[in-house]
């Protein structure tokens, strides 16, 4: 199987805290993120969500769905969220957050 990496960068004219909340509360993604059909918590973690496992179902313009689970492996509030994916997608992902001059930047790195 071929390995791949991708990077996504979003910039918001918004304070860091509400942007962090949107990403951190993944169970709410289907209400605002068009490509996310479902996010279901399947395993509880600690108070900071480390160790929690969620099942994600994504859709795209292609005629198929992608379902995988993601275990949260690291959380540093308003700074970083990391996880390990397994299932139809396997690898690692990292959300990084920064804020400067009224702009919040969110970067997602994925290595599969």
PDB file of N, CA and C in Angstrom:
ATOM      1  N   UNK A   1       0.841  -1.174   0.000  1.00  0.00           N
ATOM      2  CA  UNK A   1       0.000   0.000   0.000  1.00  0.00           C
ATOM      3  C   UNK A   1       0.888   1.240   0.000  1.00  0.00           C
ATOM      4  N   UNK A   2       0.565   2.196  -0.825  1.00  0.00           N
ATOM      5  CA  UNK A   2       1.334   3.436  -0.911  1.00  0.00           C
ATOM      6  C   UNK A   2       1.028   4.337   0.284  1.00  0.00           C
ATOM      7  N   UNK A   3       2.058   4.987   0.786  1.00  0.00           N
ATOM      8  CA  UNK A   3       1.885   5.950   1.873  1.00  0.00           C
ATOM      9  C   UNK A   3       1.627   7.330   1.269  1.00  0.00           C
ATOM     10  N   UNK A   4       0.895   8.141   1.998  1.00  0.00           N
ATOM     11  CA  UNK A   4       0.690   9.508   1.539  1.00  0.00           C
ATOM     12  C   UNK A   4       0.566  10.434   2.737  1.00  0.00           C
ATOM     13  N   UNK A   5       0.780  11.716   2.455  1.00  0.00           N
ATOM     14  CA  UNK A   5       0.673  12.765   3.458  1.00  0.00           C
ATOM     15  C   UNK A   5      -0.126  13.905   2.849  1.00  0.00           C
ATOM     16  N   UNK A   6      -0.903  14.573   3.672  1.00  0.00           N
ATOM     17  CA  UNK A   6      -1.529  15.790   3.204  1.00  0.00           C
ATOM     18  C   UNK A   6      -1.605  16.795   4.341  1.00  0.00           C
ATOM     19  N   UNK A   7      -1.661  18.063   3.951  1.00  0.00           N
ATOM     20  CA  UNK A   7      -1.722  19.172   4.905  1.00  0.00           C
ATOM     21  C   UNK A   7      -2.894  20.049   4.514  1.00  0.00           C
ATOM     22  N   UNK A   8      -3.680  20.439   5.500  1.00  0.00           N
ATOM     23  CA  UNK A   8      -4.776  21.375   5.308  1.00  0.00           C
ATOM     24  C   UNK A   8      -4.553  22.551   6.245  1.00  0.00           C
ATOM     25  N   UNK A   9      -4.691  23.768   5.736  1.00  0.00           N
ATOM     26  CA  UNK A   9      -4.537  24.963   6.566  1.00  0.00           C
ATOM     27  C   UNK A   9      -5.781  25.820   6.412  1.00  0.00           C
ATOM     28  N   UNK A  10      -6.378  26.175   7.549  1.00  0.00           N
ATOM     29  CA  UNK A  10      -7.518  27.085   7.579  1.00  0.00           C
ATOM     30  C   UNK A  10      -7.101  28.321   8.357  1.00  0.00           C
ATOM     31  N   UNK A  11      -7.593  29.480   7.929  1.00  0.00           N
ATOM     32  CA  UNK A  11      -7.365  30.733   8.650  1.00  0.00           C
ATOM     33  C   UNK A  11      -8.716  31.398   8.892  1.00  0.00           C
ATOM     34  N   UNK A  12      -8.920  31.800  10.152  1.00  0.00           N
ATOM     35  CA  UNK A  12     -10.193  32.406  10.557  1.00  0.00           C
ATOM     36  C   UNK A  12      -9.933  33.770  11.183  1.00  0.00           C
ATOM     37  N   UNK A  13     -10.721  34.754  10.809  1.00  0.00           N
ATOM     38  CA  UNK A  13     -10.691  36.040  11.498  1.00  0.00           C
ATOM     39  C   UNK A  13     -11.542  35.885  12.747  1.00  0.00           C
ATOM     40  N   UNK A  14     -10.990  35.206  13.735  1.00  0.00           N
ATOM     41  CA  UNK A  14     -11.744  34.866  14.947  1.00  0.00           C
ATOM     42  C   UNK A  14     -10.764  34.580  16.075  1.00  0.00           C
ATOM     43  N   UNK A  15     -11.225  34.721  17.308  1.00  0.00           N
ATOM     44  CA  UNK A  15     -10.381  34.346  18.449  1.00  0.00           C
ATOM     45  C   UNK A  15     -10.103  32.842  18.439  1.00  0.00           C
ATOM     46  N   UNK A  16      -9.062  32.449  19.122  1.00  0.00           N
ATOM     47  CA  UNK A  16      -8.646  31.054  19.166  1.00  0.00           C
ATOM     48  C   UNK A  16      -9.670  30.140  19.840  1.00  0.00           C
ATOM     49  N   UNK A  17     -10.221  30.558  20.973  1.00  0.00           N
ATOM     50  CA  UNK A  17     -11.086  29.671  21.771  1.00  0.00           C
ATOM     51  C   UNK A  17     -12.272  29.096  20.990  1.00  0.00           C
ATOM     52  N   UNK A  18     -13.065  29.897  20.281  1.00  0.00           N
ATOM     53  CA  UNK A  18     -14.196  29.284  19.567  1.00  0.00           C
ATOM     54  C   UNK A  18     -13.774  28.388  18.406  1.00  0.00           C
ATOM     55  N   UNK A  19     -12.648  28.694  17.777  1.00  0.00           N
ATOM     56  CA  UNK A  19     -12.154  27.835  16.701  1.00  0.00           C
ATOM     57  C   UNK A  19     -11.706  26.502  17.287  1.00  0.00           C
ATOM     58  N   UNK A  20     -10.970  26.547  18.389  1.00  0.00           N
ATOM     59  CA  UNK A  20     -10.564  25.315  19.092  1.00  0.00           C
ATOM     60  C   UNK A  20     -11.789  24.464  19.412  1.00  0.00           C
ATOM     61  N   UNK A  21     -12.825  25.102  19.971  1.00  0.00           N
ATOM     62  CA  UNK A  21     -14.033  24.365  20.359  1.00  0.00           C
ATOM     63  C   UNK A  21     -14.674  23.656  19.168  1.00  0.00           C
ATOM     64  N   UNK A  22     -14.710  24.314  18.009  1.00  0.00           N
ATOM     65  CA  UNK A  22     -15.305  23.689  16.821  1.00  0.00           C
ATOM     66  C   UNK A  22     -14.568  22.403  16.429  1.00  0.00           C
ATOM     67  N   UNK A  23     -13.261  22.417  16.508  1.00  0.00           N
ATOM     68  CA  UNK A  23     -12.482  21.238  16.125  1.00  0.00           C
ATOM     69  C   UNK A  23     -12.492  20.190  17.239  1.00  0.00           C
ATOM     70  N   UNK A  24     -12.331  20.624  18.458  1.00  0.00           N
ATOM     71  CA  UNK A  24     -12.247  19.708  19.600  1.00  0.00           C
ATOM     72  C   UNK A  24     -13.526  18.892  19.775  1.00  0.00           C
ATOM     73  N   UNK A  25     -14.677  19.496  19.503  1.00  0.00           N
ATOM     74  CA  UNK A  25     -15.963  18.801  19.646  1.00  0.00           C
ATOM     75  C   UNK A  25     -16.348  18.125  18.327  1.00  0.00           C
ATOM     76  N   UNK A  26     -15.604  17.097  17.991  1.00  0.00           N
ATOM     77  CA  UNK A  26     -15.778  16.410  16.705  1.00  0.00           C
ATOM     78  C   UNK A  26     -17.183  15.837  16.518  1.00  0.00           C
ATOM     79  N   UNK A  27     -17.853  15.475  17.594  1.00  0.00           N
ATOM     80  CA  UNK A  27     -19.207  14.912  17.465  1.00  0.00           C
ATOM     81  C   UNK A  27     -20.166  15.899  16.799  1.00  0.00           C
ATOM     82  N   UNK A  28     -19.816  17.178  16.795  1.00  0.00           N
ATOM     83  CA  UNK A  28     -20.667  18.200  16.182  1.00  0.00           C
ATOM     84  C   UNK A  28     -20.280  18.505  14.733  1.00  0.00           C
ATOM     85  N   UNK A  29     -19.211  17.923  14.223  1.00  0.00           N
ATOM     86  CA  UNK A  29     -18.772  18.217  12.862  1.00  0.00           C
ATOM     87  C   UNK A  29     -19.861  18.020  11.811  1.00  0.00           C
ATOM     88  N   UNK A  30     -20.683  16.961  11.885  1.00  0.00           N
ATOM     89  CA  UNK A  30     -21.693  16.786  10.831  1.00  0.00           C
ATOM     90  C   UNK A  30     -22.661  17.966  10.707  1.00  0.00           C
ATOM     91  N   UNK A  31     -22.801  18.773  11.740  1.00  0.00           N
ATOM     92  CA  UNK A  31     -23.732  19.904  11.666  1.00  0.00           C
ATOM     93  C   UNK A  31     -23.174  21.076  10.853  1.00  0.00           C
ATOM     94  N   UNK A  32     -21.861  21.114  10.627  1.00  0.00           N
ATOM     95  CA  UNK A  32     -21.290  22.242   9.879  1.00  0.00           C
ATOM     96  C   UNK A  32     -20.276  21.839   8.808  1.00  0.00           C
ATOM     97  N   UNK A  33     -19.780  20.611   8.841  1.00  0.00           N
ATOM     98  CA  UNK A  33     -18.755  20.183   7.884  1.00  0.00           C
ATOM     99  C   UNK A  33     -19.408  19.258   6.870  1.00  0.00           C
ATOM    100  N   UNK A  34     -19.560  19.736   5.665  1.00  0.00           N
ATOM    101  CA  UNK A  34     -20.329  19.052   4.628  1.00  0.00           C
ATOM    102  C   UNK A  34     -19.865  17.628   4.339  1.00  0.00           C
ATOM    103  N   UNK A  35     -18.586  17.336   4.429  1.00  0.00           N
ATOM    104  CA  UNK A  35     -18.081  16.006   4.098  1.00  0.00           C
ATOM    105  C   UNK A  35     -18.207  14.974   5.201  1.00  0.00           C
ATOM    106  N   UNK A  36     -18.607  15.398   6.386  1.00  0.00           N
ATOM    107  CA  UNK A  36     -18.687  14.471   7.525  1.00  0.00           C
ATOM    108  C   UNK A  36     -20.135  14.027   7.707  1.00  0.00           C
ATOM    109  N   UNK A  37     -20.391  12.736   7.526  1.00  0.00           N
ATOM    110  CA  UNK A  37     -21.749  12.208   7.710  1.00  0.00           C
ATOM    111  C   UNK A  37     -22.045  11.902   9.173  1.00  0.00           C
ATOM    112  N   UNK A  38     -21.082  11.234   9.846  1.00  0.00           N
ATOM    113  CA  UNK A  38     -21.317  10.816  11.232  1.00  0.00           C
ATOM    114  C   UNK A  38     -20.014  10.824  12.016  1.00  0.00           C
ATOM    115  N   UNK A  39     -20.135  11.139  13.293  1.00  0.00           N
ATOM    116  CA  UNK A  39     -19.045  10.950  14.251  1.00  0.00           C
ATOM    117  C   UNK A  39     -19.687  10.324  15.480  1.00  0.00           C
ATOM    118  N   UNK A  40     -19.240   9.121  15.825  1.00  0.00           N
ATOM    119  CA  UNK A  40     -19.808   8.389  16.953  1.00  0.00           C
ATOM    120  C   UNK A  40     -18.700   8.057  17.948  1.00  0.00           C
ATOM    121  N   UNK A  41     -18.898   8.381  19.199  1.00  0.00           N
ATOM    122  CA  UNK A  41     -17.920   8.005  20.220  1.00  0.00           C
ATOM    123  C   UNK A  41     -18.100   6.524  20.515  1.00  0.00           C
ATOM    124  N   UNK A  42     -16.999   5.765  20.431  1.00  0.00           N
ATOM    125  CA  UNK A  42     -17.070   4.324  20.682  1.00  0.00           C
ATOM    126  C   UNK A  42     -16.212   3.896  21.864  1.00  0.00           C
ATOM    127  N   UNK A  43     -15.420   4.815  22.411  1.00  0.00           N
ATOM    128  CA  UNK A  43     -14.598   4.501  23.579  1.00  0.00           C
ATOM    129  C   UNK A  43     -14.277   5.763  24.354  1.00  0.00           C
ATOM    130  N   UNK A  44     -14.493   5.712  25.644  1.00  0.00           N
ATOM    131  CA  UNK A  44     -14.234   6.875  26.498  1.00  0.00           C
ATOM    132  C   UNK A  44     -12.751   7.005  26.805  1.00  0.00           C
ATOM    133  N   UNK A  45     -12.312   8.210  26.965  1.00  0.00           N
ATOM    134  CA  UNK A  45     -10.946   8.479  27.383  1.00  0.00           C
ATOM    135  C   UNK A  45     -10.963   9.216  28.702  1.00  0.00           C
ATOM    136  N   UNK A  46      -9.871   9.889  29.006  1.00  0.00           N
ATOM    137  CA  UNK A  46      -9.781  10.675  30.227  1.00  0.00           C
ATOM    138  C   UNK A  46     -10.496  12.005  30.081  1.00  0.00           C
ATOM    139  N   UNK A  47     -10.361  12.843  31.093  1.00  0.00           N
ATOM    140  CA  UNK A  47     -11.029  14.145  31.096  1.00  0.00           C
ATOM    141  C   UNK A  47     -10.608  15.000  29.901  1.00  0.00           C
ATOM    142  N   UNK A  48      -9.377  14.829  29.425  1.00  0.00           N
ATOM    143  CA  UNK A  48      -8.883  15.603  28.284  1.00  0.00           C
ATOM    144  C   UNK A  48      -9.120  14.887  26.948  1.00  0.00           C
ATOM    145  N   UNK A  49      -9.862  13.777  26.973  1.00  0.00           N
ATOM    146  CA  UNK A  49     -10.212  12.962  25.803  1.00  0.00           C
ATOM    147  C   UNK A  49      -9.080  12.046  25.352  1.00  0.00           C
ATOM    148  N   UNK A  50      -7.893  12.132  25.957  1.00  0.00           N
ATOM    149  CA  UNK A  50      -6.814  11.219  25.570  1.00  0.00           C
ATOM    150  C   UNK A  50      -7.268   9.796  25.858  1.00  0.00           C
ATOM    151  N   UNK A  51      -7.127   8.936  24.855  1.00  0.00           N
ATOM    152  CA  UNK A  51      -7.580   7.561  24.960  1.00  0.00           C
ATOM    153  C   UNK A  51      -8.982   7.339  24.422  1.00  0.00           C
ATOM    154  N   UNK A  52      -9.722   8.411  24.133  1.00  0.00           N
ATOM    155  CA  UNK A  52     -11.064   8.239  23.575  1.00  0.00           C
ATOM    156  C   UNK A  52     -10.951   7.786  22.123  1.00  0.00           C
ATOM    157  N   UNK A  53     -11.975   7.069  21.666  1.00  0.00           N
ATOM    158  CA  UNK A  53     -12.012   6.573  20.289  1.00  0.00           C
ATOM    159  C   UNK A  53     -13.352   6.979  19.684  1.00  0.00           C
ATOM    160  N   UNK A  54     -13.292   7.552  18.480  1.00  0.00           N
ATOM    161  CA  UNK A  54     -14.500   7.923  17.745  1.00  0.00           C
ATOM    162  C   UNK A  54     -14.468   7.294  16.367  1.00  0.00           C
ATOM    163  N   UNK A  55     -15.641   6.961  15.851  1.00  0.00           N
ATOM    164  CA  UNK A  55     -15.786   6.411  14.497  1.00  0.00           C
ATOM    165  C   UNK A  55     -16.296   7.548  13.591  1.00  0.00           C
ATOM    166  N   UNK A  56     -15.572   7.778  12.508  1.00  0.00           N
ATOM    167  CA  UNK A  56     -15.897   8.842  11.557  1.00  0.00           C
ATOM    168  C   UNK A  56     -16.361   8.232  10.250  1.00  0.00           C
ATOM    169  N   UNK A  57     -17.416   8.785   9.678  1.00  0.00           N
ATOM    170  CA  UNK A  57     -17.854   8.398   8.339  1.00  0.00           C
ATOM    171  C   UNK A  57     -17.874   9.649   7.480  1.00  0.00           C
ATOM    172  N   UNK A  58     -17.063   9.630   6.424  1.00  0.00           N
ATOM    173  CA  UNK A  58     -16.906  10.752   5.500  1.00  0.00           C
ATOM    174  C   UNK A  58     -17.491  10.389   4.141  1.00  0.00           C
ATOM    175  N   UNK A  59     -17.963  11.395   3.438  1.00  0.00           N
ATOM    176  CA  UNK A  59     -18.404  11.222   2.051  1.00  0.00           C
ATOM    177  C   UNK A  59     -17.616  12.206   1.192  1.00  0.00           C
ATOM    178  N   UNK A  60     -17.605  11.952  -0.105  1.00  0.00           N
ATOM    179  CA  UNK A  60     -16.924  12.853  -1.026  1.00  0.00           C
ATOM    180  C   UNK A  60     -17.719  12.920  -2.311  1.00  0.00           C
ATOM    181  N   UNK A  61     -17.171  13.601  -3.288  1.00  0.00           N
ATOM    182  CA  UNK A  61     -17.833  13.649  -4.593  1.00  0.00           C
ATOM    183  C   UNK A  61     -17.760  12.305  -5.299  1.00  0.00           C
ATOM    184  N   UNK A  62     -16.793  11.482  -4.901  1.00  0.00           N
ATOM    185  CA  UNK A  62     -16.717  10.127  -5.447  1.00  0.00           C
ATOM    186  C   UNK A  62     -17.823   9.284  -4.813  1.00  0.00           C
ATOM    187  N   UNK A  63     -18.297   8.254  -5.480  1.00  0.00           N
ATOM    188  CA  UNK A  63     -19.452   7.502  -4.972  1.00  0.00           C
ATOM    189  C   UNK A  63     -19.092   6.437  -3.922  1.00  0.00           C
ATOM    190  N   UNK A  64     -18.424   6.847  -2.862  1.00  0.00           N
ATOM    191  CA  UNK A  64     -18.163   5.903  -1.784  1.00  0.00           C
ATOM    192  C   UNK A  64     -18.020   6.648  -0.461  1.00  0.00           C
ATOM    193  N   UNK A  65     -18.149   5.888   0.623  1.00  0.00           N
ATOM    194  CA  UNK A  65     -17.971   6.422   1.973  1.00  0.00           C
ATOM    195  C   UNK A  65     -16.667   5.876   2.536  1.00  0.00           C
ATOM    196  N   UNK A  66     -16.083   6.608   3.462  1.00  0.00           N
ATOM    197  CA  UNK A  66     -14.871   6.187   4.152  1.00  0.00           C
ATOM    198  C   UNK A  66     -15.177   6.206   5.645  1.00  0.00           C
ATOM    199  N   UNK A  67     -15.022   5.051   6.293  1.00  0.00           N
ATOM    200  CA  UNK A  67     -15.268   4.943   7.732  1.00  0.00           C
ATOM    201  C   UNK A  67     -14.002   4.440   8.413  1.00  0.00           C
ATOM    202  N   UNK A  68     -13.632   5.108   9.470  1.00  0.00           N
ATOM    203  CA  UNK A  68     -12.448   4.718  10.239  1.00  0.00           C
ATOM    204  C   UNK A  68     -12.625   5.182  11.673  1.00  0.00           C
ATOM    205  N   UNK A  69     -11.780   4.662  12.539  1.00  0.00           N
ATOM    206  CA  UNK A  69     -11.795   5.077  13.937  1.00  0.00           C
ATOM    207  C   UNK A  69     -10.527   5.857  14.229  1.00  0.00           C
ATOM    208  N   UNK A  70     -10.634   6.766  15.179  1.00  0.00           N
ATOM    209  CA  UNK A  70      -9.505   7.599  15.554  1.00  0.00           C
ATOM    210  C   UNK A  70      -9.407   7.623  17.067  1.00  0.00           C
ATOM    211  N   UNK A  71      -8.226   7.266  17.573  1.00  0.00           N
ATOM    212  CA  UNK A  71      -7.957   7.335  19.004  1.00  0.00           C
ATOM    213  C   UNK A  71      -7.184   8.615  19.284  1.00  0.00           C
ATOM    214  N   UNK A  72      -7.665   9.408  20.220  1.00  0.00           N
ATOM    215  CA  UNK A  72      -6.957  10.628  20.609  1.00  0.00           C
ATOM    216  C   UNK A  72      -5.762  10.231  21.468  1.00  0.00           C
ATOM    217  N   UNK A  73      -4.568  10.662  21.056  1.00  0.00           N
ATOM    218  CA  UNK A  73      -3.349  10.274  21.761  1.00  0.00           C
ATOM    219  C   UNK A  73      -2.687  11.432  22.506  1.00  0.00           C
ATOM    220  N   UNK A  74      -3.061  12.659  22.173  1.00  0.00           N
ATOM    221  CA  UNK A  74      -2.457  13.827  22.824  1.00  0.00           C
ATOM    222  C   UNK A  74      -3.370  15.027  22.677  1.00  0.00           C
ATOM    223  N   UNK A  75      -3.533  15.777  23.766  1.00  0.00           N
ATOM    224  CA  UNK A  75      -4.282  17.027  23.737  1.00  0.00           C
ATOM    225  C   UNK A  75      -3.530  18.055  24.576  1.00  0.00           C
ATOM    226  N   UNK A  76      -3.216  19.177  23.964  1.00  0.00           N
ATOM    227  CA  UNK A  76      -2.706  20.343  24.671  1.00  0.00           C
ATOM    228  C   UNK A  76      -3.689  21.456  24.353  1.00  0.00           C
ATOM    229  N   UNK A  77      -4.552  21.831  25.312  1.00  0.00           N
ATOM    230  CA  UNK A  77      -5.637  22.759  25.028  1.00  0.00           C
ATOM    231  C   UNK A  77      -5.205  24.008  24.243  1.00  0.00           C
ATOM    232  N   UNK A  78      -5.964  24.274  23.204  1.00  0.00           N
ATOM    233  CA  UNK A  78      -5.805  25.402  22.298  1.00  0.00           C
ATOM    234  C   UNK A  78      -4.450  25.419  21.602  1.00  0.00           C
ATOM    235  N   UNK A  79      -3.773  24.266  21.564  1.00  0.00           N
ATOM    236  CA  UNK A  79      -2.467  24.174  20.907  1.00  0.00           C
ATOM    237  C   UNK A  79      -2.392  22.998  19.937  1.00  0.00           C
ATOM    238  N   UNK A  80      -2.699  21.781  20.411  1.00  0.00           N
ATOM    239  CA  UNK A  80      -2.533  20.602  19.560  1.00  0.00           C
ATOM    240  C   UNK A  80      -3.490  19.483  19.961  1.00  0.00           C
ATOM    241  N   UNK A  81      -3.946  18.729  18.957  1.00  0.00           N
ATOM    242  CA  UNK A  81      -4.693  17.482  19.141  1.00  0.00           C
ATOM    243  C   UNK A  81      -4.039  16.481  18.197  1.00  0.00           C
ATOM    244  N   UNK A  82      -3.693  15.302  18.726  1.00  0.00           N
ATOM    245  CA  UNK A  82      -3.108  14.260  17.893  1.00  0.00           C
ATOM    246  C   UNK A  82      -3.912  12.979  18.038  1.00  0.00           C
ATOM    247  N   UNK A  83      -3.881  12.170  16.989  1.00  0.00           N
ATOM    248  CA  UNK A  83      -4.591  10.910  17.050  1.00  0.00           C
ATOM    249  C   UNK A  83      -4.021   9.870  16.109  1.00  0.00           C
ATOM    250  N   UNK A  84      -4.464   8.638  16.337  1.00  0.00           N
ATOM    251  CA  UNK A  84      -4.067   7.486  15.534  1.00  0.00           C
ATOM    252  C   UNK A  84      -5.316   6.921  14.879  1.00  0.00           C
ATOM    253  N   UNK A  85      -5.308   6.831  13.555  1.00  0.00           N
ATOM    254  CA  UNK A  85      -6.455   6.318  12.795  1.00  0.00           C
ATOM    255  C   UNK A  85      -6.243   4.851  12.466  1.00  0.00           C
ATOM    256  N   UNK A  86      -7.353   4.099  12.466  1.00  0.00           N
ATOM    257  CA  UNK A  86      -7.309   2.694  12.061  1.00  0.00           C
ATOM    258  C   UNK A  86      -8.658   2.327  11.469  1.00  0.00           C
ATOM    259  N   UNK A  87      -8.664   1.287  10.668  1.00  0.00           N
ATOM    260  CA  UNK A  87      -9.864   0.886   9.931  1.00  0.00           C
ATOM    261  C   UNK A  87      -9.607   1.111   8.453  1.00  0.00           C
ATOM    262  N   UNK A  88     -10.568   1.690   7.730  1.00  0.00           N
ATOM    263  CA  UNK A  88     -10.393   1.943   6.297  1.00  0.00           C
ATOM    264  C   UNK A  88      -9.325   2.999   6.020  1.00  0.00           C
ATOM    265  N   UNK A  89      -8.933   3.718   7.041  1.00  0.00           N
ATOM    266  CA  UNK A  89      -7.836   4.690   6.971  1.00  0.00           C
ATOM    267  C   UNK A  89      -6.938   4.396   8.159  1.00  0.00           C
ATOM    268  N   UNK A  90      -5.646   4.340   7.948  1.00  0.00           N
ATOM    269  CA  UNK A  90      -4.725   4.040   9.037  1.00  0.00           C
ATOM    270  C   UNK A  90      -3.553   5.014   8.989  1.00  0.00           C
ATOM    271  N   UNK A  91      -3.206   5.564  10.127  1.00  0.00           N
ATOM    272  CA  UNK A  91      -2.084   6.493  10.181  1.00  0.00           C
ATOM    273  C   UNK A  91      -2.192   7.418  11.373  1.00  0.00           C
ATOM    274  N   UNK A  92      -1.619   8.597  11.233  1.00  0.00           N
ATOM    275  CA  UNK A  92      -1.595   9.580  12.313  1.00  0.00           C
ATOM    276  C   UNK A  92      -2.066  10.932  11.797  1.00  0.00           C
ATOM    277  N   UNK A  93      -2.710  11.679  12.696  1.00  0.00           N
ATOM    278  CA  UNK A  93      -3.146  13.026  12.361  1.00  0.00           C
ATOM    279  C   UNK A  93      -2.821  13.987  13.489  1.00  0.00           C
ATOM    280  N   UNK A  94      -2.566  15.242  13.125  1.00  0.00           N
ATOM    281  CA  UNK A  94      -2.266  16.267  14.127  1.00  0.00           C
ATOM    282  C   UNK A  94      -2.899  17.592  13.725  1.00  0.00           C
ATOM    283  N   UNK A  95      -3.732  18.142  14.629  1.00  0.00           N
ATOM    284  CA  UNK A  95      -4.268  19.493  14.512  1.00  0.00           C
ATOM    285  C   UNK A  95      -3.354  20.417  15.309  1.00  0.00           C
ATOM    286  N   UNK A  96      -2.921  21.527  14.708  1.00  0.00           N
ATOM    287  CA  UNK A  96      -2.149  22.546  15.426  1.00  0.00           C
ATOM    288  C   UNK A  96      -2.849  23.885  15.292  1.00  0.00           C
ATOM    289  N   UNK A  97      -2.890  24.616  16.397  1.00  0.00           N
ATOM    290  CA  UNK A  97      -3.613  25.880  16.479  1.00  0.00           C
ATOM    291  C   UNK A  97      -2.663  27.002  16.858  1.00  0.00           C
ATOM    292  N   UNK A  98      -2.820  28.163  16.218  1.00  0.00           N
ATOM    293  CA  UNK A  98      -2.059  29.344  16.607  1.00  0.00           C
ATOM    294  C   UNK A  98      -2.927  30.576  16.364  1.00  0.00           C
ATOM    295  N   UNK A  99      -2.544  31.664  16.998  1.00  0.00           N
ATOM    296  CA  UNK A  99      -3.321  32.897  16.869  1.00  0.00           C
ATOM    297  C   UNK A  99      -2.357  34.077  16.826  1.00  0.00           C
ATOM    298  N   UNK A 100      -2.562  34.970  15.840  1.00  0.00           N
ATOM    299  CA  UNK A 100      -1.718  36.147  15.710  1.00  0.00           C
ATOM    300  C   UNK A 100      -2.497  37.250  15.004  1.00  0.00           C
ATOM    301  N   UNK A 101      -2.457  38.445  15.574  1.00  0.00           N
ATOM    302  CA  UNK A 101      -3.066  39.630  14.962  1.00  0.00           C
ATOM    303  C   UNK A 101      -4.529  39.405  14.582  1.00  0.00           C
ATOM    304  N   UNK A 102      -5.283  38.737  15.462  1.00  0.00           N
ATOM    305  CA  UNK A 102      -6.711  38.531  15.234  1.00  0.00           C
ATOM    306  C   UNK A 102      -7.062  37.367  14.327  1.00  0.00           C
ATOM    307  N   UNK A 103      -6.066  36.636  13.863  1.00  0.00           N
ATOM    308  CA  UNK A 103      -6.308  35.510  12.950  1.00  0.00           C
ATOM    309  C   UNK A 103      -5.901  34.212  13.636  1.00  0.00           C
ATOM    310  N   UNK A 104      -6.822  33.253  13.647  1.00  0.00           N
ATOM    311  CA  UNK A 104      -6.526  31.919  14.160  1.00  0.00           C
ATOM    312  C   UNK A 104      -6.208  31.020  12.977  1.00  0.00           C
ATOM    313  N   UNK A 105      -5.074  30.347  13.062  1.00  0.00           N
ATOM    314  CA  UNK A 105      -4.656  29.406  12.021  1.00  0.00           C
ATOM    315  C   UNK A 105      -4.752  27.987  12.577  1.00  0.00           C
ATOM    316  N   UNK A 106      -5.380  27.120  11.788  1.00  0.00           N
ATOM    317  CA  UNK A 106      -5.510  25.704  12.131  1.00  0.00           C
ATOM    318  C   UNK A 106      -4.837  24.922  11.012  1.00  0.00           C
ATOM    319  N   UNK A 107      -3.903  24.073  11.392  1.00  0.00           N
ATOM    320  CA  UNK A 107      -3.207  23.234  10.414  1.00  0.00           C
ATOM    321  C   UNK A 107      -3.426  21.777  10.779  1.00  0.00           C
ATOM    322  N   UNK A 108      -3.842  20.984   9.789  1.00  0.00           N
ATOM    323  CA  UNK A 108      -4.005  19.556   9.986  1.00  0.00           C
ATOM    324  C   UNK A 108      -2.999  18.820   9.116  1.00  0.00           C
ATOM    325  N   UNK A 109      -2.165  18.005   9.749  1.00  0.00           N
ATOM    326  CA  UNK A 109      -1.202  17.155   9.048  1.00  0.00           C
ATOM    327  C   UNK A 109      -1.663  15.716   9.192  1.00  0.00           C
ATOM    328  N   UNK A 110      -1.708  15.006   8.084  1.00  0.00           N
ATOM    329  CA  UNK A 110      -2.112  13.610   8.080  1.00  0.00           C
ATOM    330  C   UNK A 110      -1.044  12.776   7.383  1.00  0.00           C
ATOM    331  N   UNK A 111      -0.672  11.689   8.008  1.00  0.00           N
ATOM    332  CA  UNK A 111       0.289  10.747   7.424  1.00  0.00           C
ATOM    333  C   UNK A 111      -0.350   9.365   7.445  1.00  0.00           C
ATOM    334  N   UNK A 112      -0.594   8.821   6.272  1.00  0.00           N
ATOM    335  CA  UNK A 112      -1.256   7.522   6.141  1.00  0.00           C
ATOM    336  C   UNK A 112      -0.345   6.541   5.464  1.00  0.00           C
TER     337      UNK A 112
END
